[in-house]
Amino acid sequence: MKIEVIGNGQMKEHSESDLNVASFLFASGFRLLGLRLVGRGRYAFRFADENEQAAGAAMAYLQGEVISAKALVGAQRDLKTLMYSASRENGNEDGNGNRRRNTE
């Protein structure tokens, strides 16, 4: 967990780089704060974690916690859209997951 200082208080956040786990957290109601570039073409999803429950929820998902397939797939679609949008804005990919070549 990372603690980010905002204004006078502190906001606790959970970073998740696994798309499936991030989709579960998003579908479970954890507030998405944004994306963070963590490596070459890799992103981590940043979630608000005021009550420090995101890590436990992620572990529960990995241990078989049940959630609606519709909710999980919808969350995954939304997160992929956000991820590919950020990737295009950063000039990393052409929108189809292909790395751009430097043509200059």
Protein backbone atom coordinates (compact mmCIF):
# COMPACT_ATOMS: atom_id res chain seq x y z
CA MET A 1 0.00 0.00 0.00
CA LYS A 2 1.14 3.50 -0.79
CA ILE A 3 0.12 6.59 1.19
CA GLU A 4 -0.18 9.73 -0.89
CA VAL A 5 -0.39 13.09 0.86
CA ILE A 6 -3.16 15.29 -0.52
CA GLY A 7 -3.75 18.71 1.04
CA ASN A 8 -3.67 18.61 4.83
CA GLY A 9 -4.68 14.95 5.15
CA GLN A 10 -3.48 11.65 3.81
CA MET A 11 -5.19 9.45 1.26
CA LYS A 12 -4.40 5.77 1.47
CA GLU A 13 -4.34 3.96 -1.81
CA HIS A 14 -3.88 0.47 -3.16
CA SER A 15 -1.98 -0.12 -6.41
CA GLU A 16 -2.89 -3.16 -8.51
CA SER A 17 -1.14 -4.17 -11.75
CA ASP A 18 -3.14 -7.37 -12.37
CA LEU A 19 -6.08 -6.49 -14.64
CA ASN A 20 -8.31 -9.27 -13.31
CA VAL A 21 -7.79 -8.32 -9.68
CA ALA A 22 -8.20 -4.62 -10.52
CA SER A 23 -11.46 -5.45 -12.32
CA PHE A 24 -12.70 -7.27 -9.23
CA LEU A 25 -11.85 -4.31 -6.99
CA PHE A 26 -13.53 -1.87 -9.38
CA ALA A 27 -16.65 -4.04 -9.68
CA SER A 28 -16.71 -4.37 -5.88
CA GLY A 29 -17.01 -0.62 -5.48
CA PHE A 30 -13.46 0.50 -4.73
CA ARG A 31 -13.00 4.03 -6.08
CA LEU A 32 -10.53 4.24 -8.95
CA LEU A 33 -8.10 7.14 -8.59
CA GLY A 34 -6.28 6.62 -11.87
CA LEU A 35 -3.40 4.85 -13.57
CA ARG A 36 0.31 4.86 -12.94
CA LEU A 37 2.93 3.77 -15.45
CA VAL A 38 5.00 1.07 -13.72
CA GLY A 39 7.12 -0.20 -16.55
CA ARG A 40 7.47 -0.31 -20.25
CA GLY A 41 3.85 -0.45 -21.38
CA ARG A 42 2.65 -1.67 -17.96
CA TYR A 43 0.22 0.18 -15.79
CA ALA A 44 -1.01 -0.13 -12.23
CA PHE A 45 -4.53 0.87 -11.30
CA ARG A 46 -4.72 3.13 -8.25
CA PHE A 47 -7.66 2.63 -5.88
CA ALA A 48 -8.72 4.66 -2.86
CA ASP A 49 -8.27 2.48 0.21
CA GLU A 50 -9.35 4.58 3.18
CA ASN A 51 -10.24 1.54 5.31
CA GLU A 52 -7.28 -0.57 4.13
CA GLN A 53 -9.57 -3.30 2.76
CA ALA A 54 -8.37 -3.50 -0.85
CA ALA A 55 -5.53 -5.96 -0.19
CA GLY A 56 -7.92 -8.27 1.66
CA ALA A 57 -10.50 -8.02 -1.13
CA ALA A 58 -7.82 -8.80 -3.72
CA MET A 59 -6.75 -11.87 -1.75
CA ALA A 60 -10.38 -12.97 -1.40
CA TYR A 61 -10.76 -12.77 -5.20
CA LEU A 62 -7.64 -14.88 -5.72
CA GLN A 63 -9.04 -17.43 -3.25
CA GLY A 64 -12.32 -17.74 -5.16
CA GLU A 65 -14.59 -14.92 -3.99
CA VAL A 66 -17.71 -14.92 -6.15
CA ILE A 67 -18.88 -11.86 -8.09
CA SER A 68 -21.32 -11.43 -10.95
CA ALA A 69 -19.69 -12.28 -14.28
CA LYS A 70 -21.49 -9.34 -15.86
CA ALA A 71 -20.05 -6.93 -13.27
CA LEU A 72 -16.54 -8.37 -13.62
CA VAL A 73 -16.54 -8.26 -17.43
CA GLY A 74 -18.01 -4.74 -17.44
CA ALA A 75 -15.33 -3.51 -15.04
CA GLN A 76 -12.62 -5.20 -17.10
CA ARG A 77 -13.92 -3.52 -20.27
CA ASP A 78 -13.90 -0.10 -18.57
CA LEU A 79 -10.38 -0.56 -17.17
CA LYS A 80 -9.02 -1.77 -20.53
CA THR A 81 -10.52 1.30 -22.21
CA LEU A 82 -8.84 3.53 -19.65
CA MET A 83 -5.53 1.69 -19.99
CA TYR A 84 -5.46 1.82 -23.81
CA SER A 85 -6.51 5.47 -23.76
CA ALA A 86 -3.61 6.31 -21.43
CA SER A 87 -1.24 4.26 -23.56
CA ARG A 88 -2.21 6.15 -26.70
CA GLU A 89 -1.88 9.49 -24.92
CA ASN A 90 1.65 8.53 -23.89
CA GLY A 91 2.46 7.53 -27.46
CA ASN A 92 3.32 3.96 -26.50
CA GLU A 93 0.95 2.08 -28.76
CA ASP A 94 -1.16 2.51 -31.87
CA GLY A 95 -4.42 1.58 -30.13
CA ASN A 96 -4.29 -2.07 -31.19
CA GLY A 97 -1.66 -3.06 -28.65
CA ASN A 98 1.19 -2.66 -31.14
CA ARG A 99 4.27 -0.66 -30.24
CA ARG A 100 4.90 2.32 -32.48
CA ARG A 101 8.16 2.40 -34.33
CA ASN A 102 10.16 5.57 -34.50
CA THR A 103 9.85 6.57 -38.16
CA GLU A 104 11.98 9.68 -37.97
